[in-house]
């Protein structure tokens, strides 16, 4: 499953580690453990798996092991010169890291395949996005809404290292392709102009959905 879920999603110079959540809380470094000392067991296990997998990914880039703490907006604080992203659902964790000299941002999101609650879906996508999805004959509206949600989550994580700005679900629009998606920014966000277009990839495997994006440094001048 894990191979199918990330196959062809990221460029070859991005290191990806996929793992089951499990319980690796005893592998947290002291500073990390302190961050979730008062959290429920589920949160501690998810946090721990993300940190352990992140260190595995960074080791493959030749980056020395270190504590991975959190910033003011709860984002992972990666080592200098590194961009990365961590995502998980209840059972699976995905981490991707790469050189910050090549990439301005990386984003990934993993979701269960189940439908969003209708009220949640209404907050996630626009009428135009829903109508576009309804014209597809290869997926249900429920699946499409979950994928649009996942694509927007991946974009938010991807752009955050660059803009340090929150982007709402209705501030971007998504069009799903065959294993790909295009996302358009409705309003300017920091140095990203209104109308900027971004491309990402999505996969579906064994009741899981994954969406991912990268933003290369060289692409910024073209936005």
Protein backbone atom coordinates (compact mmCIF):
# COMPACT_ATOMS: atom_id res chain seq x y z
CA UNK A 1 0.00 0.00 0.00
CA UNK A 2 2.60 2.52 1.03
CA UNK A 3 4.46 2.26 -2.26
CA UNK A 4 1.30 2.78 -4.31
CA UNK A 5 0.24 5.72 -2.18
CA UNK A 6 3.39 7.77 -2.85
CA UNK A 7 4.51 6.36 -6.21
CA UNK A 8 5.46 9.17 -8.59
CA UNK A 9 4.14 11.88 -6.28
CA UNK A 10 7.42 13.61 -5.43
CA UNK A 11 10.56 14.39 -7.47
CA UNK A 12 13.46 12.00 -7.00
CA UNK A 13 15.44 14.44 -4.86
CA UNK A 14 12.69 14.53 -2.21
CA UNK A 15 13.09 11.88 0.51
CA UNK A 16 9.83 10.25 1.58
CA UNK A 17 9.23 7.97 4.57
CA UNK A 18 5.87 6.23 5.02
CA UNK A 19 5.11 4.26 8.17
CA UNK A 20 2.32 2.93 10.35
CA UNK A 21 1.61 5.03 13.43
CA UNK A 22 2.29 2.34 16.06
CA UNK A 23 3.80 3.41 19.38
CA UNK A 24 7.29 4.92 19.23
CA UNK A 25 6.80 7.45 22.02
CA UNK A 26 9.85 6.07 23.82
CA UNK A 27 11.96 7.28 20.87
CA UNK A 28 11.04 10.94 21.34
CA UNK A 29 13.86 13.20 22.46
CA UNK A 30 13.26 14.87 25.84
CA UNK A 31 12.47 18.29 24.35
CA UNK A 32 9.97 16.69 22.00
CA UNK A 33 8.34 14.58 24.67
CA UNK A 34 7.79 17.72 26.74
CA UNK A 35 5.70 19.20 23.94
CA UNK A 36 3.09 16.44 24.19
CA UNK A 37 3.46 15.50 27.85
CA UNK A 38 -0.13 16.51 28.57
CA UNK A 39 -1.64 15.28 25.30
CA UNK A 40 -3.88 12.24 24.96
CA UNK A 41 -2.28 8.93 23.99
CA UNK A 42 -3.45 9.15 20.38
CA UNK A 43 -1.84 12.57 19.90
CA UNK A 44 1.42 11.50 21.55
CA UNK A 45 1.68 8.46 19.26
CA UNK A 46 0.97 10.49 16.11
CA UNK A 47 3.47 13.16 17.15
CA UNK A 48 6.12 10.58 17.98
CA UNK A 49 5.76 8.73 14.71
CA UNK A 50 6.11 12.00 12.80
CA UNK A 51 9.31 12.91 14.64
CA UNK A 52 10.85 9.45 14.37
CA UNK A 53 10.02 9.21 10.65
CA UNK A 54 11.32 12.74 10.09
CA UNK A 55 14.68 11.81 11.60
CA UNK A 56 14.81 8.74 9.37
CA UNK A 57 14.14 10.92 6.33
CA UNK A 58 16.70 13.55 7.36
CA UNK A 59 19.33 10.84 7.88
CA UNK A 60 18.85 9.82 4.25
CA UNK A 61 19.71 13.42 3.32
CA UNK A 62 22.81 13.25 5.50
CA UNK A 63 21.39 15.61 8.12
CA UNK A 64 22.50 14.90 11.74
CA UNK A 65 19.79 13.82 14.16
CA UNK A 66 18.30 16.55 16.34
CA UNK A 67 15.13 17.40 18.21
CA UNK A 68 12.33 18.58 15.93
CA UNK A 69 10.37 21.17 17.87
CA UNK A 70 7.41 23.34 16.86
CA UNK A 71 7.04 26.98 15.89
CA UNK A 72 4.56 29.62 16.94
CA UNK A 73 1.92 28.23 14.59
CA UNK A 74 2.59 24.61 15.51
CA UNK A 75 4.65 23.98 12.40
CA UNK A 76 7.65 21.60 12.56
CA UNK A 77 10.95 23.44 12.94
CA UNK A 78 13.24 21.79 10.41
CA UNK A 79 17.04 22.02 10.50
CA UNK A 80 18.56 24.99 8.69
CA UNK A 81 18.57 24.50 4.93
CA UNK A 82 15.79 21.89 4.97
CA UNK A 83 12.13 22.06 4.01
CA UNK A 84 9.76 19.30 4.98
CA UNK A 85 6.23 18.21 5.69
CA UNK A 86 4.55 15.73 8.03
CA UNK A 87 1.07 14.28 7.60
CA UNK A 88 -0.87 11.52 9.24
CA UNK A 89 -4.32 10.10 9.72
CA UNK A 90 -5.25 7.65 12.47
CA UNK A 91 -3.04 4.84 11.17
CA UNK A 92 -0.50 6.16 8.64
CA UNK A 93 2.26 8.80 8.71
CA UNK A 94 3.96 10.37 5.68
CA UNK A 95 7.07 12.56 5.91
CA UNK A 96 8.85 14.27 3.01
CA UNK A 97 12.03 16.36 3.25
CA UNK A 98 14.35 18.05 0.77
CA UNK A 99 16.95 20.76 0.36
CA UNK A 100 15.73 24.29 0.96
CA UNK A 101 18.13 25.49 -1.70
CA UNK A 102 16.02 23.68 -4.30
CA UNK A 103 12.54 23.89 -2.80
CA UNK A 104 10.71 26.77 -1.15
CA UNK A 105 8.11 24.40 0.24
CA UNK A 106 6.74 20.87 0.32
CA UNK A 107 3.25 19.86 1.34
CA UNK A 108 1.56 16.51 1.86
CA UNK A 109 -1.74 15.38 3.32
CA UNK A 110 -3.07 11.88 3.94
CA UNK A 111 -6.71 11.13 4.59
CA UNK A 112 -9.04 8.18 5.04
CA UNK A 113 -11.15 7.57 1.96
CA UNK A 114 -14.47 8.16 3.75
CA UNK A 115 -16.75 11.08 2.95
CA UNK A 116 -16.61 14.41 4.72
CA UNK A 117 -19.65 15.46 6.68
CA UNK A 118 -21.86 17.61 4.39
CA UNK A 119 -21.48 20.65 6.65
CA UNK A 120 -17.69 20.25 6.57
CA UNK A 121 -17.66 19.83 2.80
CA UNK A 122 -19.63 23.07 2.44
CA UNK A 123 -16.86 24.89 4.28
CA UNK A 124 -14.14 23.26 2.21
CA UNK A 125 -15.22 23.72 -1.40
CA UNK A 126 -17.15 26.15 -3.54
CA UNK A 127 -20.22 25.49 -5.65
CA UNK A 128 -18.03 25.69 -8.77
CA UNK A 129 -15.64 23.07 -7.40
CA UNK A 130 -18.54 20.79 -6.52
CA UNK A 131 -20.14 21.23 -9.95
CA UNK A 132 -16.84 20.47 -11.67
CA UNK A 133 -16.42 17.32 -9.60
CA UNK A 134 -20.02 16.25 -10.33
CA UNK A 135 -19.17 16.08 -14.05
CA UNK A 136 -16.58 13.38 -13.43
CA UNK A 137 -17.66 9.80 -13.94
CA UNK A 138 -14.69 8.20 -12.16
CA UNK A 139 -15.36 9.26 -8.58
CA UNK A 140 -18.22 10.08 -6.26
CA UNK A 141 -18.90 13.55 -4.90
CA UNK A 142 -17.90 12.26 -1.47
CA UNK A 143 -14.50 11.14 -2.74
CA UNK A 144 -14.02 14.36 -4.70
CA UNK A 145 -14.75 16.55 -1.69
CA UNK A 146 -12.23 14.64 0.41
CA UNK A 147 -9.61 14.96 -2.32
CA UNK A 148 -10.22 18.70 -2.68
CA UNK A 149 -9.83 19.03 1.08
CA UNK A 150 -6.58 17.06 0.94
CA UNK A 151 -5.21 19.13 -1.95
CA UNK A 152 -5.90 22.36 -0.07
CA UNK A 153 -4.25 21.01 3.06
CA UNK A 154 -1.16 20.05 1.02
CA UNK A 155 -1.03 23.53 -0.51
CA UNK A 156 -1.30 25.23 2.86
CA UNK A 157 1.67 23.24 4.18
CA UNK A 158 3.62 23.84 0.98
CA UNK A 159 3.24 27.61 0.96
CA UNK A 160 3.64 28.22 4.69
CA UNK A 161 7.47 28.20 4.88
CA UNK A 162 7.48 30.90 2.22
CA UNK A 163 4.61 33.14 3.33
CA UNK A 164 4.15 32.33 7.04
CA UNK A 165 0.47 33.06 6.33
CA UNK A 166 -2.76 31.19 6.94
CA UNK A 167 -4.72 30.48 3.75
CA UNK A 168 -8.41 29.62 4.06
CA UNK A 169 -10.12 26.84 2.13
CA UNK A 170 -12.20 29.27 0.08
CA UNK A 171 -9.14 31.36 -0.83
CA UNK A 172 -8.03 28.72 -3.32
CA UNK A 173 -9.84 26.67 -5.95
CA UNK A 174 -8.98 23.14 -7.03
CA UNK A 175 -9.57 21.19 -10.22
CA UNK A 176 -8.93 17.46 -9.98
CA UNK A 177 -7.24 15.69 -12.84
CA UNK A 178 -6.27 12.05 -13.38
CA UNK A 179 -3.87 11.63 -10.48
CA UNK A 180 -3.08 15.34 -10.55
CA UNK A 181 -4.69 18.58 -9.48
CA UNK A 182 -4.38 22.27 -10.27
CA UNK A 183 -4.86 24.88 -7.57
CA UNK A 184 -5.47 28.58 -8.20
CA UNK A 185 -4.89 31.27 -5.58
CA UNK A 186 -7.91 33.59 -5.49
CA UNK A 187 -6.19 36.41 -3.54
CA UNK A 188 -2.57 37.43 -3.12
CA UNK A 189 -0.78 35.86 -0.16
CA UNK A 190 2.49 37.59 0.75
CA UNK A 191 4.65 37.31 -2.37
CA UNK A 192 2.33 34.85 -4.09
CA UNK A 193 0.11 36.81 -6.51
CA UNK A 194 -3.61 36.38 -7.03
CA UNK A 195 -4.22 34.01 -9.92
CA UNK A 196 -1.03 32.04 -9.29
CA UNK A 197 -1.39 28.43 -10.37
CA UNK A 198 0.12 25.43 -8.67
CA UNK A 199 0.16 21.77 -9.60
CA UNK A 200 0.15 18.74 -7.38
CA UNK A 201 -0.48 15.02 -7.43
CA UNK A 202 -2.90 12.73 -5.67
CA UNK A 203 -3.09 9.00 -5.13
CA UNK A 204 -5.67 6.52 -3.85
CA UNK A 205 -4.71 3.14 -2.41
CA UNK A 206 -6.39 0.74 0.02
CA UNK A 207 -8.89 3.23 1.45
CA UNK A 208 -6.33 6.03 1.80
CA UNK A 209 -6.00 9.29 -0.12
CA UNK A 210 -2.85 11.36 -0.46
CA UNK A 211 -2.25 14.78 -1.98
CA UNK A 212 1.15 16.39 -2.40
CA UNK A 213 2.80 19.52 -3.80
CA UNK A 214 6.28 20.98 -4.13
CA UNK A 215 7.28 24.55 -4.91
CA UNK A 216 10.68 24.89 -6.52
CA UNK A 217 12.71 28.01 -5.89
CA UNK A 218 13.08 28.53 -9.64
CA UNK A 219 9.32 28.58 -10.11
CA UNK A 220 8.71 31.60 -7.87
CA UNK A 221 9.60 34.13 -10.54
CA UNK A 222 7.09 32.52 -12.90
CA UNK A 223 4.07 32.88 -10.63
